[in-house]
C-alpha atoms as a PDB file:
ATOM      1  CA  MET A   1      -2.936  24.841   5.232  1.00  0.00           C
ATOM      2  CA  ILE A   2      -3.132  21.163   4.197  1.00  0.00           C
ATOM      3  CA  ILE A   3      -2.965  19.763   7.738  1.00  0.00           C
ATOM      4  CA  ARG A   4      -5.365  22.293   9.265  1.00  0.00           C
ATOM      5  CA  PHE A   5      -7.824  22.069   6.379  1.00  0.00           C
ATOM      6  CA  PHE A   6      -8.026  18.272   6.270  1.00  0.00           C
ATOM      7  CA  LYS A   7      -8.311  17.767  10.041  1.00  0.00           C
ATOM      8  CA  THR A   8     -12.056  17.784   9.371  1.00  0.00           C
ATOM      9  CA  SER A   9     -14.004  15.737   6.851  1.00  0.00           C
ATOM     10  CA  TYR A  10     -16.941  17.672   5.476  1.00  0.00           C
ATOM     11  CA  PRO A  11     -18.104  17.582   1.827  1.00  0.00           C
ATOM     12  CA  LEU A  12     -15.727  20.453   1.017  1.00  0.00           C
ATOM     13  CA  GLN A  13     -12.722  18.410   2.184  1.00  0.00           C
ATOM     14  CA  TYR A  14     -13.810  15.435   0.073  1.00  0.00           C
ATOM     15  CA  PHE A  15     -14.186  17.700  -2.952  1.00  0.00           C
ATOM     16  CA  VAL A  16     -10.704  19.198  -2.458  1.00  0.00           C
ATOM     17  CA  LEU A  17      -9.247  15.680  -2.010  1.00  0.00           C
ATOM     18  CA  LEU A  18     -10.786  14.754  -5.359  1.00  0.00           C
ATOM     19  CA  MET A  19      -9.385  17.899  -6.990  1.00  0.00           C
ATOM     20  CA  ILE A  20      -5.865  17.254  -5.638  1.00  0.00           C
ATOM     21  CA  SER A  21      -5.999  13.653  -6.838  1.00  0.00           C
ATOM     22  CA  LEU A  22      -7.257  14.720 -10.271  1.00  0.00           C
ATOM     23  CA  ALA A  23      -4.530  17.360 -10.528  1.00  0.00           C
ATOM     24  CA  LEU A  24      -1.847  14.755  -9.773  1.00  0.00           C
ATOM     25  CA  TRP A  25      -3.316  12.200 -12.203  1.00  0.00           C
ATOM     26  CA  PHE A  26      -4.416  14.575 -14.980  1.00  0.00           C
ATOM     27  CA  PRO A  27      -1.276  13.989 -17.115  1.00  0.00           C
ATOM     28  CA  ALA A  28      -2.001  10.261 -17.088  1.00  0.00           C
ATOM     29  CA  PHE A  29      -5.458  10.898 -18.553  1.00  0.00           C
ATOM     30  CA  LEU A  30      -3.965  12.919 -21.402  1.00  0.00           C
ATOM     31  CA  ALA A  31      -1.198  10.529 -22.385  1.00  0.00           C
ATOM     32  CA  ALA A  32      -1.134   6.762 -22.012  1.00  0.00           C
ATOM     33  CA  ASP A  33       2.268   5.993 -20.573  1.00  0.00           C
ATOM     34  CA  ASN A  34       3.944   2.902 -21.962  1.00  0.00           C
ATOM     35  CA  HIS A  35       5.299   1.411 -18.761  1.00  0.00           C
ATOM     36  CA  PRO A  36       6.469  -2.155 -19.360  1.00  0.00           C
ATOM     37  CA  VAL A  37       4.309  -4.710 -17.537  1.00  0.00           C
ATOM     38  CA  LEU A  38       6.976  -7.064 -16.198  1.00  0.00           C
ATOM     39  CA  ILE A  39       4.485  -9.559 -14.814  1.00  0.00           C
ATOM     40  CA  ASN A  40       4.464 -13.308 -15.221  1.00  0.00           C
ATOM     41  CA  GLY A  41       0.830 -14.195 -15.920  1.00  0.00           C
ATOM     42  CA  MET A  42       1.332 -17.685 -14.512  1.00  0.00           C
ATOM     43  CA  ILE A  43       2.116 -16.453 -10.998  1.00  0.00           C
ATOM     44  CA  ALA A  44       0.004 -13.281 -11.223  1.00  0.00           C
ATOM     45  CA  PRO A  45      -3.174 -14.587 -12.881  1.00  0.00           C
ATOM     46  CA  GLY A  46      -5.357 -11.876 -11.373  1.00  0.00           C
ATOM     47  CA  TYR A  47      -3.438  -9.111 -13.080  1.00  0.00           C
ATOM     48  CA  ASP A  48      -3.265 -11.116 -16.290  1.00  0.00           C
ATOM     49  CA  LEU A  49      -7.063 -11.454 -16.224  1.00  0.00           C
ATOM     50  CA  LEU A  50      -7.485  -7.754 -15.446  1.00  0.00           C
ATOM     51  CA  ASN A  51      -5.260  -6.852 -18.385  1.00  0.00           C
ATOM     52  CA  SER A  52      -7.438  -8.945 -20.702  1.00  0.00           C
ATOM     53  CA  LEU A  53     -10.617  -7.235 -19.457  1.00  0.00           C
ATOM     54  CA  VAL A  54      -9.366  -3.640 -19.243  1.00  0.00           C
ATOM     55  CA  PRO A  55      -6.364  -2.684 -21.402  1.00  0.00           C
ATOM     56  CA  ILE A  56      -3.891  -1.422 -18.832  1.00  0.00           C
ATOM     57  CA  HIS A  57      -2.594   1.521 -20.885  1.00  0.00           C
ATOM     58  CA  SER A  58      -5.993   2.643 -22.156  1.00  0.00           C
ATOM     59  CA  LEU A  59      -7.998   5.565 -20.818  1.00  0.00           C
ATOM     60  CA  GLY A  60     -10.330   3.048 -19.196  1.00  0.00           C
ATOM     61  CA  GLY A  61      -7.397   1.432 -17.406  1.00  0.00           C
ATOM     62  CA  THR A  62      -6.184   4.803 -16.138  1.00  0.00           C
ATOM     63  CA  ILE A  63      -9.667   5.728 -14.898  1.00  0.00           C
ATOM     64  CA  LEU A  64      -9.942   2.388 -13.120  1.00  0.00           C
ATOM     65  CA  GLY A  65      -6.507   2.907 -11.547  1.00  0.00           C
ATOM     66  CA  PHE A  66      -7.512   6.389 -10.372  1.00  0.00           C
ATOM     67  CA  THR A  67     -10.752   5.028  -8.894  1.00  0.00           C
ATOM     68  CA  ILE A  68      -8.868   2.284  -7.047  1.00  0.00           C
ATOM     69  CA  LEU A  69      -6.427   4.883  -5.701  1.00  0.00           C
ATOM     70  CA  LEU A  70      -9.258   6.993  -4.253  1.00  0.00           C
ATOM     71  CA  GLY A  71     -10.941   3.928  -2.781  1.00  0.00           C
ATOM     72  CA  THR A  72      -7.667   2.812  -1.199  1.00  0.00           C
ATOM     73  CA  ALA A  73      -7.064   6.308   0.223  1.00  0.00           C
ATOM     74  CA  LEU A  74     -10.497   6.329   1.868  1.00  0.00           C
ATOM     75  CA  LEU A  75      -9.972   2.802   3.226  1.00  0.00           C
ATOM     76  CA  PHE A  76      -6.571   3.909   4.541  1.00  0.00           C
ATOM     77  CA  ASN A  77      -8.265   6.855   6.269  1.00  0.00           C
ATOM     78  CA  PHE A  78     -11.001   4.634   7.718  1.00  0.00           C
ATOM     79  CA  ILE A  79      -8.549   2.109   9.201  1.00  0.00           C
ATOM     80  CA  LEU A  80      -6.554   4.753  11.059  1.00  0.00           C
ATOM     81  CA  GLU A  81      -9.718   6.395  12.390  1.00  0.00           C
ATOM     82  CA  ARG A  82     -11.299   3.104  13.407  1.00  0.00           C
ATOM     83  CA  HIS A  83      -8.318   2.126  15.522  1.00  0.00           C
ATOM     84  CA  ASP A  84      -8.005   5.592  17.111  1.00  0.00           C
ATOM     85  CA  LEU A  85      -4.610   6.307  15.587  1.00  0.00           C
ATOM     86  CA  THR A  86      -5.828   9.546  14.023  1.00  0.00           C
ATOM     87  CA  PRO A  87      -8.657  11.857  15.154  1.00  0.00           C
ATOM     88  CA  ARG A  88     -12.196  11.033  14.151  1.00  0.00           C
ATOM     89  CA  ASN A  89     -13.735  12.890  11.204  1.00  0.00           C
ATOM     90  CA  SER A  90     -10.324  13.729   9.735  1.00  0.00           C
ATOM     91  CA  LEU A  91      -9.426  13.330   6.075  1.00  0.00           C
ATOM     92  CA  LEU A  92      -5.713  14.009   6.536  1.00  0.00           C
ATOM     93  CA  PRO A  93      -4.595  10.349   6.179  1.00  0.00           C
ATOM     94  CA  ALA A  94      -6.347  10.080   2.804  1.00  0.00           C
ATOM     95  CA  VAL A  95      -4.521  13.179   1.527  1.00  0.00           C
ATOM     96  CA  ILE A  96      -1.200  11.857   2.841  1.00  0.00           C
ATOM     97  CA  TYR A  97      -1.802   8.540   1.087  1.00  0.00           C
ATOM     98  CA  VAL A  98      -2.609  10.215  -2.239  1.00  0.00           C
ATOM     99  CA  LEU A  99       0.533  12.363  -2.006  1.00  0.00           C
ATOM    100  CA  PHE A 100       2.824   9.463  -1.067  1.00  0.00           C
ATOM    101  CA  THR A 101       1.507   7.211  -3.839  1.00  0.00           C
ATOM    102  CA  SER A 102       1.017   9.682  -6.712  1.00  0.00           C
ATOM    103  CA  PHE A 103       4.181  11.778  -6.772  1.00  0.00           C
ATOM    104  CA  ARG A 104       5.815   9.959  -9.701  1.00  0.00           C
ATOM    105  CA  PRO A 105       4.598   9.350 -13.267  1.00  0.00           C
ATOM    106  CA  GLU A 106       5.538   5.679 -12.787  1.00  0.00           C
ATOM    107  CA  PHE A 107       2.669   5.361 -10.278  1.00  0.00           C
ATOM    108  CA  LEU A 108      -0.012   6.923 -12.503  1.00  0.00           C
ATOM    109  CA  TRP A 109      -1.367   3.829 -14.203  1.00  0.00           C
ATOM    110  CA  LEU A 110      -3.090   0.597 -13.335  1.00  0.00           C
ATOM    111  CA  HIS A 111       0.123  -1.084 -12.214  1.00  0.00           C
ATOM    112  CA  PRO A 112       0.299  -4.526 -10.550  1.00  0.00           C
ATOM    113  CA  ALA A 113       0.642  -3.176  -6.980  1.00  0.00           C
ATOM    114  CA  MET A 114      -2.522  -1.063  -7.019  1.00  0.00           C
ATOM    115  CA  ILE A 115      -5.149  -3.713  -6.268  1.00  0.00           C
ATOM    116  CA  PRO A 116      -2.837  -5.589  -3.848  1.00  0.00           C
ATOM    117  CA  ALA A 117      -2.404  -2.349  -1.852  1.00  0.00           C
ATOM    118  CA  PHE A 118      -6.182  -2.213  -1.336  1.00  0.00           C
ATOM    119  CA  LEU A 119      -6.384  -5.898  -0.369  1.00  0.00           C
ATOM    120  CA  ILE A 120      -3.403  -5.691   1.974  1.00  0.00           C
ATOM    121  CA  LEU A 121      -4.998  -2.765   3.795  1.00  0.00           C
ATOM    122  CA  LEU A 122      -8.121  -4.898   4.245  1.00  0.00           C
ATOM    123  CA  ALA A 123      -5.880  -7.617   5.695  1.00  0.00           C
ATOM    124  CA  LEU A 124      -4.280  -5.008   7.973  1.00  0.00           C
ATOM    125  CA  SER A 125      -7.719  -3.954   9.216  1.00  0.00           C
ATOM    126  CA  ASN A 126      -8.603  -7.565  10.050  1.00  0.00           C
ATOM    127  CA  ILE A 127      -5.353  -8.149  11.927  1.00  0.00           C
ATOM    128  CA  MET A 128      -5.715  -4.941  13.940  1.00  0.00           C
ATOM    129  CA  GLU A 129      -9.063  -6.253  15.211  1.00  0.00           C
ATOM    130  CA  ILE A 130      -7.662  -9.405  16.829  1.00  0.00           C
ATOM    131  CA  TYR A 131      -6.391  -7.617  19.931  1.00  0.00           C
ATOM    132  CA  ASN A 132      -8.705  -8.346  22.893  1.00  0.00           C
ATOM    133  CA  ILE A 133     -10.754 -10.845  20.861  1.00  0.00           C
ATOM    134  CA  GLU A 134     -10.827 -14.265  22.491  1.00  0.00           C
ATOM    135  CA  GLU A 135     -11.120 -16.327  19.315  1.00  0.00           C
ATOM    136  CA  ALA A 136     -10.286 -14.178  16.297  1.00  0.00           C
ATOM    137  CA  TYR A 137     -10.446 -17.057  13.859  1.00  0.00           C
ATOM    138  CA  LYS A 138     -12.539 -15.241  11.254  1.00  0.00           C
ATOM    139  CA  GLN A 139     -10.274 -12.172  11.200  1.00  0.00           C
ATOM    140  CA  VAL A 140      -7.115 -14.278  10.923  1.00  0.00           C
ATOM    141  CA  PHE A 141      -8.557 -16.478   8.172  1.00  0.00           C
ATOM    142  CA  ASN A 142      -9.747 -13.402   6.258  1.00  0.00           C
ATOM    143  CA  ALA A 143      -6.291 -11.832   6.517  1.00  0.00           C
ATOM    144  CA  GLY A 144      -4.613 -14.944   5.097  1.00  0.00           C
ATOM    145  CA  ALA A 145      -7.162 -15.175   2.274  1.00  0.00           C
ATOM    146  CA  LEU A 146      -6.809 -11.468   1.409  1.00  0.00           C
ATOM    147  CA  ILE A 147      -3.017 -11.774   1.263  1.00  0.00           C
ATOM    148  CA  ALA A 148      -3.411 -14.716  -1.112  1.00  0.00           C
ATOM    149  CA  LEU A 149      -5.799 -12.730  -3.329  1.00  0.00           C
ATOM    150  CA  ALA A 150      -3.321  -9.834  -3.350  1.00  0.00           C
ATOM    151  CA  SER A 151      -0.565 -12.207  -4.459  1.00  0.00           C
ATOM    152  CA  PHE A 152      -2.677 -13.133  -7.500  1.00  0.00           C
ATOM    153  CA  PHE A 153      -1.899  -9.619  -8.764  1.00  0.00           C
ATOM    154  CA  SER A 154       1.625  -9.158  -7.384  1.00  0.00           C
ATOM    155  CA  PHE A 155       3.169 -12.370  -6.083  1.00  0.00           C
ATOM    156  CA  GLU A 156       5.604 -10.518  -3.797  1.00  0.00           C
ATOM    157  CA  THR A 157       2.717  -9.736  -1.437  1.00  0.00           C
ATOM    158  CA  LEU A 158       2.756 -13.305  -0.139  1.00  0.00           C
ATOM    159  CA  PHE A 159       5.488 -12.080   2.235  1.00  0.00           C
ATOM    160  CA  PHE A 160       2.822 -10.099   4.094  1.00  0.00           C
ATOM    161  CA  LEU A 161       2.186 -13.360   5.939  1.00  0.00           C
ATOM    162  CA  LEU A 162       5.263 -12.304   7.928  1.00  0.00           C
ATOM    163  CA  PHE A 163       3.311  -9.274   9.120  1.00  0.00           C
ATOM    164  CA  VAL A 164       0.584 -11.534  10.536  1.00  0.00           C
ATOM    165  CA  TYR A 165       3.123 -13.353  12.707  1.00  0.00           C
ATOM    166  CA  PHE A 166       4.799 -10.104  13.733  1.00  0.00           C
ATOM    167  CA  CYS A 167       1.418  -8.969  15.048  1.00  0.00           C
ATOM    168  CA  TYR A 168       0.912 -12.245  16.918  1.00  0.00           C
ATOM    169  CA  MET A 169       4.040 -11.420  18.884  1.00  0.00           C
ATOM    170  CA  VAL A 170       2.965  -7.800  19.443  1.00  0.00           C
ATOM    171  CA  PHE A 171      -0.511  -8.812  20.635  1.00  0.00           C
ATOM    172  CA  ARG A 172       0.874 -11.807  22.586  1.00  0.00           C
ATOM    173  CA  ILE A 173      -1.263 -14.352  20.735  1.00  0.00           C
ATOM    174  CA  TYR A 174       0.369 -17.727  21.184  1.00  0.00           C
ATOM    175  CA  HIS A 175      -2.580 -20.088  20.692  1.00  0.00           C
ATOM    176  CA  TRP A 176      -1.722 -22.637  18.035  1.00  0.00           C
ATOM    177  CA  ARG A 177      -5.039 -22.247  16.205  1.00  0.00           C
ATOM    178  CA  GLU A 178      -4.410 -18.633  15.175  1.00  0.00           C
ATOM    179  CA  TRP A 179      -0.896 -19.528  14.072  1.00  0.00           C
ATOM    180  CA  ILE A 180      -2.145 -22.093  11.545  1.00  0.00           C
ATOM    181  CA  ILE A 181      -5.425 -20.452  10.483  1.00  0.00           C
ATOM    182  CA  ALA A 182      -3.726 -17.619   8.555  1.00  0.00           C
ATOM    183  CA  PRO A 183      -1.793 -20.068   6.321  1.00  0.00           C
ATOM    184  CA  ILE A 184      -4.993 -22.105   5.929  1.00  0.00           C
ATOM    185  CA  GLY A 185      -6.792 -19.009   4.609  1.00  0.00           C
ATOM    186  CA  PHE A 186      -3.851 -18.384   2.274  1.00  0.00           C
ATOM    187  CA  ILE A 187      -3.684 -21.979   1.045  1.00  0.00           C
ATOM    188  CA  THR A 188      -7.455 -22.155   0.527  1.00  0.00           C
ATOM    189  CA  MET A 189      -7.290 -19.456  -2.153  1.00  0.00           C
ATOM    190  CA  TYR A 190      -4.407 -21.244  -3.853  1.00  0.00           C
ATOM    191  CA  MET A 191      -6.297 -24.525  -3.813  1.00  0.00           C
ATOM    192  CA  PHE A 192      -8.980 -22.911  -5.963  1.00  0.00           C
ATOM    193  CA  LEU A 193      -6.276 -21.500  -8.237  1.00  0.00           C
ATOM    194  CA  CYS A 194      -4.603 -24.893  -8.558  1.00  0.00           C
ATOM    195  CA  VAL A 195      -7.938 -26.460  -9.526  1.00  0.00           C
ATOM    196  CA  PHE A 196      -8.296 -23.818 -12.256  1.00  0.00           C
ATOM    197  CA  PHE A 197      -4.827 -24.529 -13.668  1.00  0.00           C
ATOM    198  CA  PHE A 198      -5.405 -28.271 -13.328  1.00  0.00           C
ATOM    199  CA  TRP A 199      -8.481 -27.990 -15.564  1.00  0.00           C
ATOM    200  CA  GLN A 200      -6.322 -26.176 -18.105  1.00  0.00           C
ATOM    201  CA  ASP A 201      -3.602 -28.832 -17.809  1.00  0.00           C
ATOM    202  CA  ARG A 202      -1.041 -26.185 -16.818  1.00  0.00           C
ATOM    203  CA  LEU A 203      -0.473 -27.122 -13.187  1.00  0.00           C
ATOM    204  CA  GLY A 204       3.053 -28.432 -13.762  1.00  0.00           C
ATOM    205  CA  ASP A 205       4.066 -25.275 -15.621  1.00  0.00           C
ATOM    206  CA  VAL A 206       2.681 -23.114 -12.809  1.00  0.00           C
ATOM    207  CA  PHE A 207       4.758 -24.930 -10.175  1.00  0.00           C
ATOM    208  CA  ASN A 208       7.843 -24.409 -12.310  1.00  0.00           C
ATOM    209  CA  HIS A 209       7.148 -20.674 -12.517  1.00  0.00           C
ATOM    210  CA  TYR A 210       6.691 -20.448  -8.745  1.00  0.00           C
ATOM    211  CA  ALA A 211       9.986 -22.261  -8.212  1.00  0.00           C
ATOM    212  CA  GLN A 212      11.665 -19.914 -10.678  1.00  0.00           C
ATOM    213  CA  PHE A 213      10.327 -16.888  -8.769  1.00  0.00           C
ATOM    214  CA  PHE A 214      11.998 -17.958  -5.531  1.00  0.00           C
ATOM    215  CA  ALA A 215      15.184 -18.887  -7.379  1.00  0.00           C
ATOM    216  CA  ASP A 216      15.346 -15.429  -8.982  1.00  0.00           C
ATOM    217  CA  ILE A 217      14.746 -13.318  -5.855  1.00  0.00           C
ATOM    218  CA  ARG A 218      17.210 -10.432  -5.905  1.00  0.00           C
ATOM    219  CA  LEU A 219      17.667  -7.107  -4.181  1.00  0.00           C
ATOM    220  CA  MET A 220      15.923  -3.964  -5.332  1.00  0.00           C
ATOM    221  CA  ARG A 221      17.327  -2.100  -8.306  1.00  0.00           C
ATOM    222  CA  LEU A 222      16.342   1.451  -9.158  1.00  0.00           C
ATOM    223  CA  PRO A 223      15.010   1.864 -12.708  1.00  0.00           C
ATOM    224  CA  ALA A 224      17.394   3.362 -15.234  1.00  0.00           C
ATOM    225  CA  ASN A 225      15.055   6.264 -16.092  1.00  0.00           C
ATOM    226  CA  PHE A 226      14.686   7.490 -12.515  1.00  0.00           C
ATOM    227  CA  SER A 227      14.468  11.299 -12.843  1.00  0.00           C
ATOM    228  CA  LEU A 228      16.282  13.700 -10.540  1.00  0.00           C
ATOM    229  CA  LEU A 229      13.038  15.259  -9.319  1.00  0.00           C
ATOM    230  CA  SER A 230      11.560  11.830  -8.587  1.00  0.00           C
ATOM    231  CA  LEU A 231      14.700  10.994  -6.625  1.00  0.00           C
ATOM    232  CA  ILE A 232      14.430  14.236  -4.627  1.00  0.00           C
ATOM    233  CA  LEU A 233      10.746  13.621  -3.870  1.00  0.00           C
ATOM    234  CA  THR A 234      11.397  10.018  -2.886  1.00  0.00           C
ATOM    235  CA  ALA A 235      14.184  11.083  -0.545  1.00  0.00           C
ATOM    236  CA  GLY A 236      12.007  13.862   0.886  1.00  0.00           C
ATOM    237  CA  LEU A 237       9.070  11.558   1.613  1.00  0.00           C
ATOM    238  CA  VAL A 238      11.366   8.932   3.123  1.00  0.00           C
ATOM    239  CA  ILE A 239      12.909  11.581   5.395  1.00  0.00           C
ATOM    240  CA  LEU A 240       9.420  12.759   6.365  1.00  0.00           C
ATOM    241  CA  GLY A 241       8.520   9.157   7.212  1.00  0.00           C
ATOM    242  CA  LEU A 242      11.659   8.717   9.322  1.00  0.00           C
ATOM    243  CA  TRP A 243      10.995  12.010  11.119  1.00  0.00           C
ATOM    244  CA  SER A 244       7.450  10.805  11.824  1.00  0.00           C
ATOM    245  CA  LEU A 245       8.851   7.545  13.190  1.00  0.00           C
ATOM    246  CA  LEU A 246      11.039   9.476  15.639  1.00  0.00           C
ATOM    247  CA  LYS A 247       8.064  11.601  16.716  1.00  0.00           C
ATOM    248  CA  ILE A 248       5.967   8.496  17.321  1.00  0.00           C
ATOM    249  CA  ALA A 249       8.790   6.847  19.269  1.00  0.00           C
ATOM    250  CA  SER A 250       9.235   9.915  21.481  1.00  0.00           C
ATOM    251  CA  SER A 251       5.578   9.887  22.566  1.00  0.00           C
ATOM    252  CA  TYR A 252       5.027   6.130  22.432  1.00  0.00           C
ATOM    253  CA  SER A 253       4.950   5.587  26.211  1.00  0.00           C
ATOM    254  CA  GLU A 254       2.365   8.347  26.685  1.00  0.00           C
ATOM    255  CA  ASN A 255      -0.336   6.310  24.958  1.00  0.00           C
ATOM    256  CA  ILE A 256      -2.586   3.753  26.615  1.00  0.00           C
ATOM    257  CA  LEU A 257      -1.736   0.078  26.154  1.00  0.00           C
ATOM    258  CA  VAL A 258      -4.180  -0.658  23.337  1.00  0.00           C
ATOM    259  CA  ILE A 259      -2.936   2.319  21.286  1.00  0.00           C
ATOM    260  CA  ARG A 260       0.678   1.263  21.849  1.00  0.00           C
ATOM    261  CA  LYS A 261      -0.183  -2.192  20.527  1.00  0.00           C
ATOM    262  CA  GLN A 262      -1.929  -0.731  17.473  1.00  0.00           C
ATOM    263  CA  ILE A 263       1.009   1.570  16.738  1.00  0.00           C
ATOM    264  CA  SER A 264       3.421  -1.354  17.042  1.00  0.00           C
ATOM    265  CA  GLY A 265       1.308  -3.321  14.590  1.00  0.00           C
ATOM    266  CA  MET A 266       1.419  -0.436  12.113  1.00  0.00           C
ATOM    267  CA  LEU A 267       5.194  -0.200  12.477  1.00  0.00           C
ATOM    268  CA  TRP A 268       5.580  -3.907  11.752  1.00  0.00           C
ATOM    269  CA  PHE A 269       3.349  -3.440   8.713  1.00  0.00           C
ATOM    270  CA  SER A 270       5.666  -0.687   7.499  1.00  0.00           C
ATOM    271  CA  LEU A 271       8.708  -2.910   8.063  1.00  0.00           C
ATOM    272  CA  THR A 272       7.079  -5.666   6.016  1.00  0.00           C
ATOM    273  CA  THR A 273       6.467  -3.250   3.133  1.00  0.00           C
ATOM    274  CA  LEU A 274      10.154  -2.339   3.267  1.00  0.00           C
ATOM    275  CA  ILE A 275      11.171  -6.006   3.125  1.00  0.00           C
ATOM    276  CA  ILE A 276       8.959  -6.633   0.095  1.00  0.00           C
ATOM    277  CA  THR A 277      10.308  -3.583  -1.727  1.00  0.00           C
ATOM    278  CA  PHE A 278      13.889  -4.505  -0.844  1.00  0.00           C
ATOM    279  CA  ILE A 279      13.647  -7.967  -2.431  1.00  0.00           C
ATOM    280  CA  SER A 280      11.543  -6.846  -5.385  1.00  0.00           C
ATOM    281  CA  GLY A 281      14.417  -6.841  -7.871  1.00  0.00           C
ATOM    282  CA  SER A 282      13.608  -5.311 -11.228  1.00  0.00           C
ATOM    283  CA  SER A 283       9.921  -4.878 -10.330  1.00  0.00           C
ATOM    284  CA  ALA A 284      10.786  -2.223  -7.726  1.00  0.00           C
ATOM    285  CA  ALA A 285       9.289   0.526  -9.908  1.00  0.00           C
ATOM    286  CA  TYR A 286       5.783  -0.492  -8.840  1.00  0.00           C
ATOM    287  CA  THR A 287       6.417  -2.387  -5.586  1.00  0.00           C
ATOM    288  CA  GLN A 288       7.704   0.884  -4.151  1.00  0.00           C
ATOM    289  CA  LEU A 289       4.008   1.638  -3.694  1.00  0.00           C
ATOM    290  CA  PHE A 290       4.029  -0.800  -0.770  1.00  0.00           C
ATOM    291  CA  VAL A 291       6.788   0.959   1.139  1.00  0.00           C
ATOM    292  CA  MET A 292       5.171   4.318   0.358  1.00  0.00           C
ATOM    293  CA  THR A 293       1.970   2.979   1.911  1.00  0.00           C
ATOM    294  CA  GLY A 294       3.927   2.033   5.019  1.00  0.00           C
ATOM    295  CA  LEU A 295       5.573   5.461   5.198  1.00  0.00           C
ATOM    296  CA  ALA A 296       2.189   7.124   4.694  1.00  0.00           C
ATOM    297  CA  LEU A 297       0.854   5.181   7.686  1.00  0.00           C
ATOM    298  CA  ILE A 298       3.634   6.464   9.919  1.00  0.00           C
ATOM    299  CA  ALA A 299       3.389  10.024   8.594  1.00  0.00           C
ATOM    300  CA  SER A 300      -0.397  10.118   9.012  1.00  0.00           C
ATOM    301  CA  ILE A 301      -0.202   9.064  12.655  1.00  0.00           C
ATOM    302  CA  SER A 302       2.504  11.621  13.432  1.00  0.00           C
ATOM    303  CA  LEU A 303       1.081  14.571  11.482  1.00  0.00           C
ATOM    304  CA  SER A 304      -2.336  14.045  13.061  1.00  0.00           C
ATOM    305  CA  GLN A 305      -0.821  14.516  16.513  1.00  0.00           C
ATOM    306  CA  ILE A 306       1.538  17.474  16.113  1.00  0.00           C
ATOM    307  CA  LYS A 307       0.478  20.814  17.561  1.00  0.00           C
ATOM    308  CA  ARG A 308       2.813  23.212  15.756  1.00  0.00           C
ATOM    309  CA  VAL A 309       2.152  22.590  12.090  1.00  0.00           C
ATOM    310  CA  PHE A 310       3.677  25.665  10.418  1.00  0.00           C
ATOM    311  CA  TRP A 311       6.818  24.004   9.044  1.00  0.00           C
ATOM    312  CA  MET A 312       5.011  20.787   8.181  1.00  0.00           C
ATOM    313  CA  GLU A 313       2.441  22.799   6.235  1.00  0.00           C
ATOM    314  CA  ILE A 314       5.254  24.337   4.191  1.00  0.00           C
ATOM    315  CA  ILE A 315       6.938  20.966   3.623  1.00  0.00           C
ATOM    316  CA  LEU A 316       3.717  19.238   2.529  1.00  0.00           C
ATOM    317  CA  GLY A 317       2.785  22.158   0.292  1.00  0.00           C
ATOM    318  CA  LEU A 318       6.238  22.067  -1.323  1.00  0.00           C
ATOM    319  CA  MET A 319       6.013  18.295  -1.778  1.00  0.00           C
ATOM    320  CA  LEU A 320       2.626  18.650  -3.451  1.00  0.00           C
ATOM    321  CA  LEU A 321       3.901  21.392  -5.772  1.00  0.00           C
ATOM    322  CA  LEU A 322       6.991  19.378  -6.752  1.00  0.00           C
ATOM    323  CA  SER A 323       4.840  16.286  -7.288  1.00  0.00           C
ATOM    324  CA  LEU A 324       2.612  18.220  -9.696  1.00  0.00           C
ATOM    325  CA  ILE A 325       5.667  19.474 -11.599  1.00  0.00           C
ATOM    326  CA  ASN A 326       7.162  15.980 -11.671  1.00  0.00           C
ATOM    327  CA  ASN A 327       3.979  14.377 -12.993  1.00  0.00           C
ATOM    328  CA  TYR A 328       3.394  16.999 -15.686  1.00  0.00           C
ATOM    329  CA  THR A 329       6.858  16.433 -17.111  1.00  0.00           C
ATOM    330  CA  MET A 330       5.458  13.234 -18.633  1.00  0.00           C
ATOM    331  CA  LEU A 331       3.564  15.443 -21.101  1.00  0.00           C
ATOM    332  CA  ILE A 332       6.737  17.006 -22.462  1.00  0.00           C
ATOM    333  CA  SER A 333       9.175  14.107 -22.191  1.00  0.00           C
END
């Protein structure tokens, strides 16, 4: 029912998307969850500023987080449609994104990865446009700048610069200008940030914190309070993503060249999200949103193409039901 219903995008589908999202987030509106914010304000000044403007664990913070989630889901949907990876006038990718990024109580707050996810998708959209453009300087610069802005909220996202170079190889872009413009866009944003810290006479401290970040990089660790149902849902969504990857690989050669390039770019994006999550250390509780975004990309492409949807309808419906149960346990725990 989910796949068939959301293969169109009329006002009714948008209303049901809103209702599903509200149902998943409703427990967060009733109870402010005291997730620890393990963020260094020196290397994540954007999130530090946001926290001073909107208390993260207040109702206002939760509403803002929910609004950002819906905006990111619609942007996610738009990107896949624009690059012909899913059918036009379909809202299925948005539903997939909401499900993949709202199935755990740990995701239902204005956490540090929420705004970066939106900015990284904007960077993805810019990079996907460079294929067949003679001089894509603006798109490449914008991508580098957006990645830098995302790193102001979650510094781990700086590694998305790897994704830019992965796409250069996929799209066979070997001109030296594109290869240096992305870092220039990235560095430009940090030049403004350095000027800000210089005025506050904290520039030396900031450099020390950046050095400490790279010195403390460690592999992902699951949080101690990881519930059994969350573990089952995580495993189920990962398996669904891997199944989707196999489906895409099996029909990869049937697509025209431009679609094959776009799919390859999306796969490299998903690999980059996995790398970032893998080296996220103790912050993995929220950086898992990145890898879930990558898995949602793969699943959206695959589920939009399958003809026999009966079993997938059952699986998605079961995942949605279990996600609702998992999220509502926060009210009784």
